[in-house]
Protein backbone atom coordinates (compact mmCIF):
# COMPACT_ATOMS: atom_id res chain seq x y z
CA MET A 1 116.65 32.95 109.53
CA ILE A 2 115.71 36.61 108.94
CA SER A 3 115.30 38.57 112.31
CA ILE A 4 112.62 41.05 112.49
CA GLN A 5 113.25 44.19 114.37
CA PRO A 6 110.51 45.51 116.64
CA ILE A 7 108.39 48.47 115.24
CA LEU A 8 109.01 50.58 118.29
CA ALA A 9 112.80 50.80 118.53
CA VAL A 10 112.97 51.55 122.18
CA ASN A 11 116.62 50.85 122.37
CA ALA A 12 117.33 53.07 119.41
CA ALA A 13 115.31 55.89 120.89
CA ALA A 14 117.24 55.58 124.31
CA TYR A 15 120.62 55.39 122.47
CA ALA A 16 119.63 58.50 120.47
CA ILE A 17 118.68 60.47 123.60
CA GLN A 18 121.74 59.49 125.48
CA ASN A 19 123.97 60.86 122.49
CA ALA A 20 121.67 64.05 122.11
CA THR A 21 123.34 67.40 122.44
CA THR A 22 122.19 69.82 125.11
CA GLU A 23 120.19 71.66 122.43
CA GLY A 24 118.42 68.37 121.44
CA LYS A 25 117.60 67.33 124.99
CA ILE A 26 116.02 70.89 125.53
CA THR A 27 114.00 70.43 122.52
CA VAL A 28 112.65 67.02 123.44
CA LEU A 29 111.98 68.30 127.06
CA THR A 30 109.99 71.22 125.55
CA LEU A 31 107.95 68.94 123.48
CA LEU A 32 107.29 66.48 126.36
CA VAL A 33 105.94 69.54 128.42
CA LEU A 34 103.80 70.45 125.51
CA SER A 35 102.47 66.98 125.07
CA LEU A 36 101.54 66.84 128.91
CA PHE A 37 99.51 70.07 128.52
CA SER A 38 97.98 68.65 125.36
CA TRP A 39 96.88 65.39 126.71
CA THR A 40 95.44 67.19 129.87
CA ILE A 41 93.33 69.37 127.55
CA ILE A 42 92.33 66.31 125.49
CA LEU A 43 91.07 64.46 128.55
CA THR A 44 89.37 67.28 130.39
CA LYS A 45 87.80 68.73 127.30
CA PHE A 46 86.62 65.31 126.08
CA ARG A 47 84.91 64.87 129.48
CA GLN A 48 83.39 68.30 129.37
CA LEU A 49 81.95 67.94 125.83
CA VAL A 50 80.44 64.33 126.72
CA ILE A 51 78.81 65.84 129.80
CA ALA A 52 77.55 68.84 127.82
CA SER A 53 76.12 66.80 125.03
CA LYS A 54 74.16 64.45 127.24
CA ALA A 55 73.00 67.23 129.57
CA THR A 56 71.84 69.33 126.56
CA LYS A 57 69.77 66.49 125.17
CA LYS A 58 68.00 66.14 128.51
CA PHE A 59 67.46 69.76 128.91
CA MET A 60 66.11 70.17 125.28
CA ALA A 61 63.72 67.30 125.85
CA ALA A 62 62.39 68.82 129.01
CA TYR A 63 62.10 72.28 127.59
CA ALA A 64 60.14 70.94 124.62
CA ALA A 65 57.60 69.48 127.07
CA THR A 66 56.31 72.92 127.95
CA ARG A 67 55.32 76.19 126.22
CA ASP A 68 55.89 78.30 129.24
CA PRO A 69 59.38 79.85 129.10
CA LEU A 70 59.50 79.99 132.94
CA ASP A 71 58.12 76.61 133.61
CA ILE A 72 61.54 74.92 134.26
CA GLN A 73 62.71 77.79 136.49
CA ARG A 74 59.58 77.58 138.55
CA LYS A 75 60.19 73.87 139.21
CA GLY A 76 63.61 74.49 140.54
CA GLU A 77 67.08 73.76 139.37
CA ASP A 78 67.80 70.20 138.08
CA LYS A 79 71.20 68.80 138.54
CA SER A 80 70.83 66.60 135.68
CA PHE A 81 70.97 69.66 133.53
CA ASP A 82 74.30 70.82 134.96
CA GLY A 83 76.95 71.13 132.16
CA ALA A 84 74.55 72.02 129.46
CA PRO A 85 75.25 75.39 127.86
CA ALA A 86 71.67 75.89 126.73
CA TYR A 87 70.57 75.40 130.43
CA GLN A 88 72.95 78.05 131.72
CA LEU A 89 71.60 80.45 129.01
CA TYR A 90 68.08 79.53 129.89
CA LEU A 91 68.74 80.26 133.60
CA ARG A 92 70.21 83.71 132.99
CA GLY A 93 67.34 84.67 130.63
CA ALA A 94 64.80 83.31 133.06
CA ASP A 95 66.15 85.33 135.89
CA GLU A 96 66.29 88.51 133.88
CA LEU A 97 62.77 87.98 132.75
CA ALA A 98 61.55 87.23 136.32
CA TYR A 99 63.32 90.44 137.36
CA HIS A 100 61.42 92.60 134.86
CA LEU A 101 58.20 90.92 135.66
CA LYS A 102 58.58 91.71 139.20
CA ASN A 103 60.04 95.28 139.00
CA ASN A 104 58.64 96.63 135.63
CA PRO A 105 55.48 94.86 135.13
CA VAL A 106 52.80 95.67 132.55
CA VAL A 107 49.30 94.48 133.70
CA VAL A 108 46.91 93.64 130.91
CA ASN A 109 43.40 92.24 130.70
CA ALA A 110 43.75 88.55 130.37
CA THR A 111 41.29 85.68 129.48
CA PRO A 112 41.04 82.43 131.69
CA PHE A 113 43.38 79.65 130.64
CA ASN A 114 42.63 75.99 131.15
CA PRO A 115 45.45 73.98 129.75
CA ASP A 116 44.73 70.73 128.05
CA PRO A 117 47.16 68.02 129.23
CA ASN A 118 46.67 66.00 126.13
CA ALA A 119 47.50 68.93 123.70
CA ILE A 120 50.37 70.86 125.36
CA HIS A 121 51.82 72.20 122.23
CA THR A 122 48.58 73.78 121.00
CA ASN A 123 48.20 75.90 124.18
CA THR A 124 50.75 78.60 123.31
CA ASP A 125 48.25 81.17 122.08
CA PHE A 126 46.05 80.64 125.04
CA LEU A 127 48.87 80.86 127.41
CA ALA A 128 49.90 84.20 125.86
CA LYS A 129 46.35 85.61 126.11
CA SER A 130 45.83 84.34 129.75
CA THR A 131 49.11 85.91 131.02
CA ARG A 132 48.08 88.99 132.95
CA VAL A 133 51.50 90.35 133.96
CA LYS A 134 53.78 91.03 130.93
CA ILE A 135 56.88 93.19 130.15
CA SER A 136 57.44 96.06 127.79
CA MET A 137 59.54 96.01 124.70
CA SER A 138 62.33 97.94 126.46
CA SER A 139 62.55 95.30 129.15
CA PHE A 140 62.43 92.55 126.46
CA ASP A 141 65.46 94.14 124.85
CA ALA A 142 67.30 93.96 128.14
CA VAL A 143 66.36 90.28 128.19
CA LYS A 144 67.73 89.76 124.66
CA VAL A 145 71.08 91.40 125.70
CA ILE A 146 71.43 88.94 128.56
CA LEU A 147 70.72 86.05 126.23
CA GLU A 148 73.29 87.25 123.76
CA GLU A 149 75.86 87.69 126.45
CA ALA A 150 75.18 84.12 127.91
CA ALA A 151 75.47 82.59 124.49
CA GLY A 152 78.90 84.20 124.02
CA SER A 153 80.15 83.26 127.52
CA GLU A 154 79.06 79.74 127.08
CA ALA A 155 80.76 79.48 123.59
CA ILE A 156 84.03 80.80 125.10
CA ALA A 157 83.78 78.29 127.97
CA LEU A 158 83.38 75.54 125.32
CA GLU A 159 86.35 76.73 123.39
CA LYS A 160 88.63 77.17 126.37
CA GLY A 161 92.02 75.46 126.04
CA MET A 162 91.70 74.77 122.40
CA ILE A 163 94.61 77.04 121.69
CA VAL A 164 96.86 74.68 123.45
CA LEU A 165 95.79 71.79 121.03
CA SER A 166 96.12 74.04 118.02
CA THR A 167 99.55 75.06 119.12
CA ALA A 168 100.52 71.39 119.71
CA VAL A 169 99.35 70.46 116.15
CA ALA A 170 101.02 73.36 114.40
CA GLY A 171 104.06 74.01 116.56
CA GLY A 172 105.05 70.42 117.55
CA PRO A 173 106.59 69.22 114.26
CA PHE A 174 108.39 72.60 113.76
CA ILE A 175 109.83 72.51 117.27
CA GLY A 176 111.02 68.91 116.45
CA LEU A 177 112.33 70.00 113.14
CA LEU A 178 114.22 72.87 114.86
CA GLY A 179 115.88 70.24 117.18
CA THR A 180 116.68 68.00 114.24
CA VAL A 181 118.26 70.64 112.11
CA TRP A 182 120.15 71.99 115.05
CA GLY A 183 121.44 68.48 115.93
CA VAL A 184 122.60 67.68 112.36
CA MET A 185 124.27 71.08 112.19
CA SER A 186 126.24 70.32 115.41
CA THR A 187 127.06 66.85 114.12
CA PHE A 188 128.50 68.02 110.80
CA ALA A 189 130.46 70.64 112.77
CA GLY A 190 131.84 68.11 115.00
CA ILE A 191 132.79 65.85 112.18
CA ALA A 192 134.51 68.78 110.38
CA ALA A 193 136.51 69.65 113.43
CA SER A 194 137.67 66.13 113.99
CA HIS A 195 138.48 65.44 110.23
CA ALA A 196 136.78 62.00 110.51
CA ALA A 197 134.03 61.78 108.03
CA THR A 198 132.93 58.32 108.86
CA LEU A 199 129.59 56.64 109.41
CA THR A 200 130.56 55.68 112.81
CA ALA A 201 131.31 59.24 113.70
CA MET A 202 128.16 60.63 112.04
CA ALA A 203 125.43 58.13 113.14
CA PRO A 204 125.19 58.90 116.85
CA GLY A 205 124.60 62.67 116.19
CA VAL A 206 122.19 62.12 113.32
CA ALA A 207 120.26 59.54 115.40
CA ALA A 208 120.15 62.07 118.26
CA ALA A 209 118.94 64.84 115.97
CA LEU A 210 116.17 62.63 114.37
CA VAL A 211 114.65 61.79 117.83
CA ALA A 212 113.53 65.44 118.15
CA THR A 213 111.40 65.22 114.98
CA VAL A 214 109.98 61.82 116.09
CA THR A 215 108.92 63.37 119.47
CA GLY A 216 107.37 66.40 117.58
CA LEU A 217 105.24 64.14 115.51
CA LEU A 218 104.28 62.05 118.53
CA VAL A 219 103.10 65.35 120.11
CA ALA A 220 101.18 66.60 117.10
CA ILE A 221 99.42 63.47 115.82
CA PRO A 222 97.23 62.83 118.92
CA ALA A 223 96.59 66.60 119.29
CA MET A 224 95.55 66.69 115.71
CA PHE A 225 92.84 63.96 116.02
CA GLY A 226 91.63 65.36 119.39
CA TYR A 227 91.40 68.91 117.93
CA ASN A 228 89.41 67.87 114.96
CA PHE A 229 86.95 65.82 117.03
CA MET A 230 86.52 68.53 119.55
CA VAL A 231 86.12 71.42 117.10
CA THR A 232 83.27 69.44 115.36
CA THR A 233 81.63 68.90 118.65
CA ILE A 234 81.92 72.49 119.85
CA ARG A 235 80.70 73.79 116.55
CA HIS A 236 77.53 71.57 116.93
CA LEU A 237 76.98 72.67 120.60
CA THR A 238 77.36 76.36 119.68
CA GLN A 239 75.03 76.07 116.64
CA GLU A 240 72.50 74.37 118.85
CA LEU A 241 72.95 77.07 121.52
CA ASP A 242 72.37 79.95 119.14
CA GLY A 243 69.32 78.16 117.71
CA PHE A 244 67.93 77.70 121.35
CA ALA A 245 68.66 81.32 122.29
CA SER A 246 66.44 82.46 119.13
CA ARG A 247 63.84 80.15 119.91
CA TYR A 248 63.84 80.97 123.66
CA ALA A 249 63.69 84.69 122.85
CA ASN A 250 60.81 84.27 120.41
CA GLN A 251 58.77 82.27 123.05
CA ILE A 252 59.34 84.95 125.71
CA GLU A 253 58.21 87.63 123.34
CA HIS A 254 55.28 85.59 122.42
CA VAL A 255 54.08 84.91 125.91
CA TYR A 256 55.29 87.77 128.08
CA VAL A 257 55.87 90.78 125.96
CA ASP A 258 52.91 93.26 125.68
CA HIS A 259 51.96 93.62 121.94
CA ARG A 260 48.61 95.50 122.58
CA PRO A 261 47.79 98.12 119.98
CA LEU A 262 48.39 101.75 121.03
CA SER A 263 44.67 102.49 121.24
CA GLU A 264 44.08 99.62 123.69
CA GLU A 265 47.12 100.76 125.84
CA LEU A 266 45.71 104.22 125.98
CA GLN A 267 42.30 102.98 126.94
CA THR A 268 43.71 100.87 129.75
CA ALA A 269 45.71 103.78 131.11
CA ASN A 270 42.68 106.03 131.05
CA GLU A 271 40.66 103.54 132.99
CA ALA A 272 43.30 103.15 135.55
CA LEU A 273 43.53 106.89 135.74
CA ALA A 274 39.79 107.38 136.16
CA ASN A 275 39.69 104.77 138.86
CA ARG A 276 42.37 106.49 140.65
CA ILE A 277 40.43 109.99 140.44
CA VAL A 278 37.23 108.28 141.62
CA ILE A 279 39.04 106.81 144.60
CA ALA A 280 40.72 110.13 145.49
CA LEU A 281 37.47 112.08 145.15
CA LYS A 282 35.54 109.64 147.39
CA GLY A 283 38.11 109.96 150.20
CA PRO A 284 37.80 108.22 153.59
CA GLU A 285 34.41 108.35 155.25
CA THR A 286 34.30 110.50 158.47
CA PRO A 287 32.30 109.61 161.50
CA ALA A 288 30.01 112.69 161.19
CA MET A 289 28.90 111.57 157.79
CA ILE A 290 27.81 108.16 159.10
CA ALA A 291 23.91 108.29 160.24
CA PRO A 292 23.14 107.06 163.63
């Protein structure tokens, strides 16, 4: 009856490690440390990307339900959006916009706005016309800079740790191959010194040398699958983040940036100056001017 050997030759691996040289054991230990870092990145990054994907979908749905770029900020922070890169970008942009609306406002004449709850997405133009406090183009440029910085920092946060996986994929097999070549070289050197070129003398050293290559492949293969999956997910999130940044900036410009023609701005400034002159000329009334 034919005996079938198990696919995972545990006894053979243990035998090979026992007969490995010091260099081979160092190589295997190095690969095990690399594998530990690799699996840590795989598990933590997978959890981060899953949370980011779910939170981004929730945030995008909430943002699409309103046309006012500051509506979500006014409602307060929502913990269900935590982990979404787009939400972090939104908060930084909204905070910068709120700062300029408070410290560098441009007051314009506005028309009353009565939103229609049944037609939210058609109220954008009416919202822009009814907004009395706006910002200048220079303030809007500052907001765009913040949005670009936020997009870059969130992309870097998503890609953090990926260098470990790429190192495991590219370097793991080569480190294992180095250990194998080194072990085979030591084996042949020992055989030449003992003048006994037999299979019995050669097998332990060759087996111990090959275990380094096996370890390198076991490190690289899971890292390769994890790296490909995560790179694809990160690329999707960053593209979605860039698209949201452009959309968000466009809506801020449409609603909160002063786009009045120069003649209207001059007219408004002249009216404000005239009102100040009139108030200054009138001055406070004195008791002597008041009739008994």
